[in-house]
């Protein structure tokens, strides 16, 4: 691990879950899944260096060789991912012990069944994919074979200001009102603090 602090053991984690409301359990599942997606994405980015298919900065002049730091980072990430998946299973057990449906925690009501041939991120109005390449700048649009699944399953999302609550919009309005008006006379073209 990166620090000396050890993670909570599974028995203590399971015991702590008993005191949490179901909303907190749902948030914890989402948090864990988000963390797993980021670690998977990191591992996918490190893999070419760990396998020696891409040169690291210190290997620019010679042939690419496996980078041990990347190998170690991937191994550590895999351990953390396994621990997080174990925690999700502990939450699942707690949810089911409470008589609740685990499908609700996956964002799927029990009575809703997706058609077997439906694409998970298909846009119902156009039949196209809701994703549009990596960060929206892919050469051929969404659904690229090399695209990480986190971009396709909605884990990584780009928010918009319209998604802000009324309170957050009011805070944003107040912040913007404190900013000086933009002058076209700024020769540097930058922000001055």
Protein backbone atom coordinates (compact mmCIF):
# COMPACT_ATOMS: atom_id res chain seq x y z
CA UNK A 1 0.00 0.00 0.00
CA UNK A 2 1.01 3.60 -0.48
CA UNK A 3 0.63 4.41 3.22
CA UNK A 4 1.08 2.64 6.52
CA UNK A 5 -2.63 2.80 7.34
CA UNK A 6 -4.37 -0.52 6.76
CA UNK A 7 -7.89 -0.71 5.32
CA UNK A 8 -10.78 -1.71 7.57
CA UNK A 9 -11.13 -5.48 7.74
CA UNK A 10 -14.19 -7.08 6.10
CA UNK A 11 -15.83 -8.09 9.40
CA UNK A 12 -15.69 -4.52 10.75
CA UNK A 13 -16.89 -3.16 7.42
CA UNK A 14 -19.88 -5.53 7.41
CA UNK A 15 -20.70 -4.56 11.01
CA UNK A 16 -20.56 -0.85 10.16
CA UNK A 17 -22.98 -1.38 7.27
CA UNK A 18 -25.73 -2.47 9.66
CA UNK A 19 -26.00 1.07 11.05
CA UNK A 20 -26.17 2.83 7.68
CA UNK A 21 -29.43 3.83 5.99
CA UNK A 22 -30.11 2.31 2.57
CA UNK A 23 -29.34 5.62 0.84
CA UNK A 24 -25.84 5.56 2.30
CA UNK A 25 -25.39 1.98 1.16
CA UNK A 26 -26.37 2.97 -2.37
CA UNK A 27 -23.91 5.87 -2.31
CA UNK A 28 -21.14 3.59 -1.03
CA UNK A 29 -21.79 1.13 -3.87
CA UNK A 30 -21.63 3.97 -6.41
CA UNK A 31 -18.42 5.27 -4.82
CA UNK A 32 -16.80 1.83 -4.89
CA UNK A 33 -17.83 1.23 -8.51
CA UNK A 34 -16.48 4.62 -9.51
CA UNK A 35 -13.17 3.87 -7.78
CA UNK A 36 -12.96 0.48 -9.48
CA UNK A 37 -13.62 2.07 -12.88
CA UNK A 38 -10.85 4.61 -12.31
CA UNK A 39 -8.42 1.90 -11.23
CA UNK A 40 -9.35 -0.23 -14.26
CA UNK A 41 -8.80 2.79 -16.49
CA UNK A 42 -5.44 3.45 -14.83
CA UNK A 43 -4.42 -0.18 -15.33
CA UNK A 44 -5.40 -0.01 -19.01
CA UNK A 45 -3.24 3.10 -19.39
CA UNK A 46 -0.27 1.47 -17.59
CA UNK A 47 -0.49 -1.89 -19.37
CA UNK A 48 1.52 -0.99 -22.53
CA UNK A 49 4.40 0.23 -20.34
CA UNK A 50 4.20 -2.76 -18.01
CA UNK A 51 4.32 -5.14 -20.99
CA UNK A 52 7.14 -3.26 -22.71
CA UNK A 53 5.02 -2.34 -25.75
CA UNK A 54 5.54 1.40 -25.16
CA UNK A 55 8.74 3.13 -24.05
CA UNK A 56 8.78 5.06 -20.79
CA UNK A 57 10.37 8.51 -20.61
CA UNK A 58 13.73 7.05 -19.55
CA UNK A 59 13.67 4.56 -22.47
CA UNK A 60 13.25 7.05 -25.32
CA UNK A 61 16.50 6.19 -27.06
CA UNK A 62 16.42 2.42 -26.72
CA UNK A 63 13.90 -0.34 -27.25
CA UNK A 64 10.86 -0.45 -24.97
CA UNK A 65 11.18 -2.80 -22.02
CA UNK A 66 8.69 -3.70 -19.29
CA UNK A 67 8.61 -1.03 -16.58
CA UNK A 68 8.66 -2.58 -13.11
CA UNK A 69 7.01 0.44 -11.51
CA UNK A 70 4.03 0.02 -13.84
CA UNK A 71 3.92 -3.71 -13.17
CA UNK A 72 3.88 -3.02 -9.42
CA UNK A 73 1.23 -0.30 -9.75
CA UNK A 74 -1.06 -2.62 -11.73
CA UNK A 75 -0.58 -5.39 -9.16
CA UNK A 76 -1.39 -3.00 -6.30
CA UNK A 77 -4.45 -1.69 -8.15
CA UNK A 78 -5.67 -5.26 -8.68
CA UNK A 79 -5.42 -5.94 -4.93
CA UNK A 80 -7.39 -2.77 -4.19
CA UNK A 81 -10.00 -3.65 -6.84
CA UNK A 82 -10.44 -7.09 -5.28
CA UNK A 83 -10.92 -5.51 -1.87
CA UNK A 84 -13.49 -3.09 -3.27
CA UNK A 85 -15.38 -5.89 -5.02
CA UNK A 86 -15.44 -7.77 -1.73
CA UNK A 87 -16.96 -4.71 -0.07
CA UNK A 88 -19.62 -4.45 -2.77
CA UNK A 89 -20.52 -8.08 -2.06
CA UNK A 90 -20.74 -7.31 1.67
CA UNK A 91 -23.09 -4.42 0.88
CA UNK A 92 -25.12 -6.72 -1.38
CA UNK A 93 -25.48 -9.22 1.45
CA UNK A 94 -26.58 -6.45 3.84
CA UNK A 95 -29.11 -5.14 1.30
CA UNK A 96 -30.56 -8.61 0.76
CA UNK A 97 -30.60 -9.30 4.52
CA UNK A 98 -32.78 -6.20 4.88
CA UNK A 99 -35.23 -7.70 2.38
CA UNK A 100 -34.41 -5.12 -0.29
CA UNK A 101 -33.74 -5.75 -3.96
CA UNK A 102 -30.12 -5.58 -5.08
CA UNK A 103 -31.30 -4.60 -8.59
CA UNK A 104 -32.43 -1.24 -7.16
CA UNK A 105 -28.83 -0.60 -6.12
CA UNK A 106 -27.76 -1.29 -9.68
CA UNK A 107 -30.19 1.30 -11.01
CA UNK A 108 -32.57 -1.33 -12.39
CA UNK A 109 -36.08 -1.74 -10.94
CA UNK A 110 -37.16 -5.38 -10.57
CA UNK A 111 -39.97 -5.10 -13.11
CA UNK A 112 -37.80 -3.47 -15.78
CA UNK A 113 -36.15 -5.89 -18.15
CA UNK A 114 -33.90 -4.62 -20.92
CA UNK A 115 -34.33 -6.25 -24.33
CA UNK A 116 -31.62 -8.84 -24.92
CA UNK A 117 -30.53 -7.25 -28.19
CA UNK A 118 -30.47 -3.65 -26.91
CA UNK A 119 -27.15 -1.84 -26.75
CA UNK A 120 -26.60 -0.71 -23.13
CA UNK A 121 -26.05 2.95 -24.06
CA UNK A 122 -28.26 3.17 -27.13
CA UNK A 123 -30.18 6.38 -27.62
CA UNK A 124 -33.84 5.45 -27.97
CA UNK A 125 -34.66 8.35 -30.29
CA UNK A 126 -31.89 7.92 -32.82
CA UNK A 127 -30.70 4.38 -32.27
CA UNK A 128 -27.15 5.72 -31.87
CA UNK A 129 -24.75 5.49 -29.00
CA UNK A 130 -24.84 8.09 -26.24
CA UNK A 131 -21.07 8.03 -25.92
CA UNK A 132 -19.02 9.92 -28.43
CA UNK A 133 -15.44 8.76 -28.32
CA UNK A 134 -12.88 9.43 -25.64
CA UNK A 135 -13.92 12.69 -23.99
CA UNK A 136 -16.09 13.37 -27.02
CA UNK A 137 -13.13 13.71 -29.37
CA UNK A 138 -12.81 10.25 -30.89
CA UNK A 139 -12.02 10.04 -34.58
CA UNK A 140 -15.03 7.91 -35.43
CA UNK A 141 -17.49 8.72 -32.64
CA UNK A 142 -18.81 6.38 -29.97
CA UNK A 143 -18.54 2.64 -29.75
CA UNK A 144 -14.87 2.42 -30.57
CA UNK A 145 -13.38 -0.97 -29.91
CA UNK A 146 -10.36 0.49 -28.08
CA UNK A 147 -12.47 2.68 -25.83
CA UNK A 148 -12.39 1.85 -22.11
CA UNK A 149 -15.75 0.50 -20.81
CA UNK A 150 -15.95 3.27 -18.20
CA UNK A 151 -16.65 5.74 -21.02
CA UNK A 152 -19.43 3.51 -22.39
CA UNK A 153 -21.22 2.51 -19.19
CA UNK A 154 -21.68 6.03 -17.84
CA UNK A 155 -19.09 5.81 -15.07
CA UNK A 156 -17.12 8.72 -16.50
CA UNK A 157 -19.50 11.52 -17.37
CA UNK A 158 -19.25 15.14 -18.28
CA UNK A 159 -21.70 17.22 -16.30
CA UNK A 160 -23.43 20.38 -17.37
CA UNK A 161 -24.54 23.39 -15.41
CA UNK A 162 -28.15 22.42 -16.04
CA UNK A 163 -27.60 19.47 -13.70
CA UNK A 164 -26.94 21.79 -10.77
CA UNK A 165 -29.49 22.13 -8.01
CA UNK A 166 -31.20 25.48 -7.50
CA UNK A 167 -28.98 26.15 -4.49
CA UNK A 168 -25.84 25.37 -6.50
CA UNK A 169 -27.01 27.59 -9.36
CA UNK A 170 -27.54 30.44 -6.90
CA UNK A 171 -24.01 29.94 -5.51
CA UNK A 172 -22.64 29.92 -9.05
CA UNK A 173 -24.56 33.12 -9.87
CA UNK A 174 -23.12 34.80 -6.74
CA UNK A 175 -19.60 33.69 -7.65
CA UNK A 176 -19.95 34.93 -11.21
CA UNK A 177 -21.27 38.28 -9.97
CA UNK A 178 -18.01 38.77 -8.02
CA UNK A 179 -15.85 38.22 -11.10
CA UNK A 180 -14.81 41.39 -12.91
CA UNK A 181 -16.37 41.90 -16.36
CA UNK A 182 -14.35 40.55 -19.24
CA UNK A 183 -12.35 43.22 -21.03
CA UNK A 184 -11.27 42.73 -24.58
CA UNK A 185 -8.43 45.16 -23.86
CA UNK A 186 -6.36 42.52 -21.96
CA UNK A 187 -3.24 42.19 -24.10
CA UNK A 188 -2.03 39.09 -22.25
CA UNK A 189 -5.26 37.16 -22.82
CA UNK A 190 -5.03 35.57 -19.40
CA UNK A 191 -6.50 35.75 -15.95
CA UNK A 192 -4.75 37.92 -13.41
CA UNK A 193 -5.02 37.04 -9.75
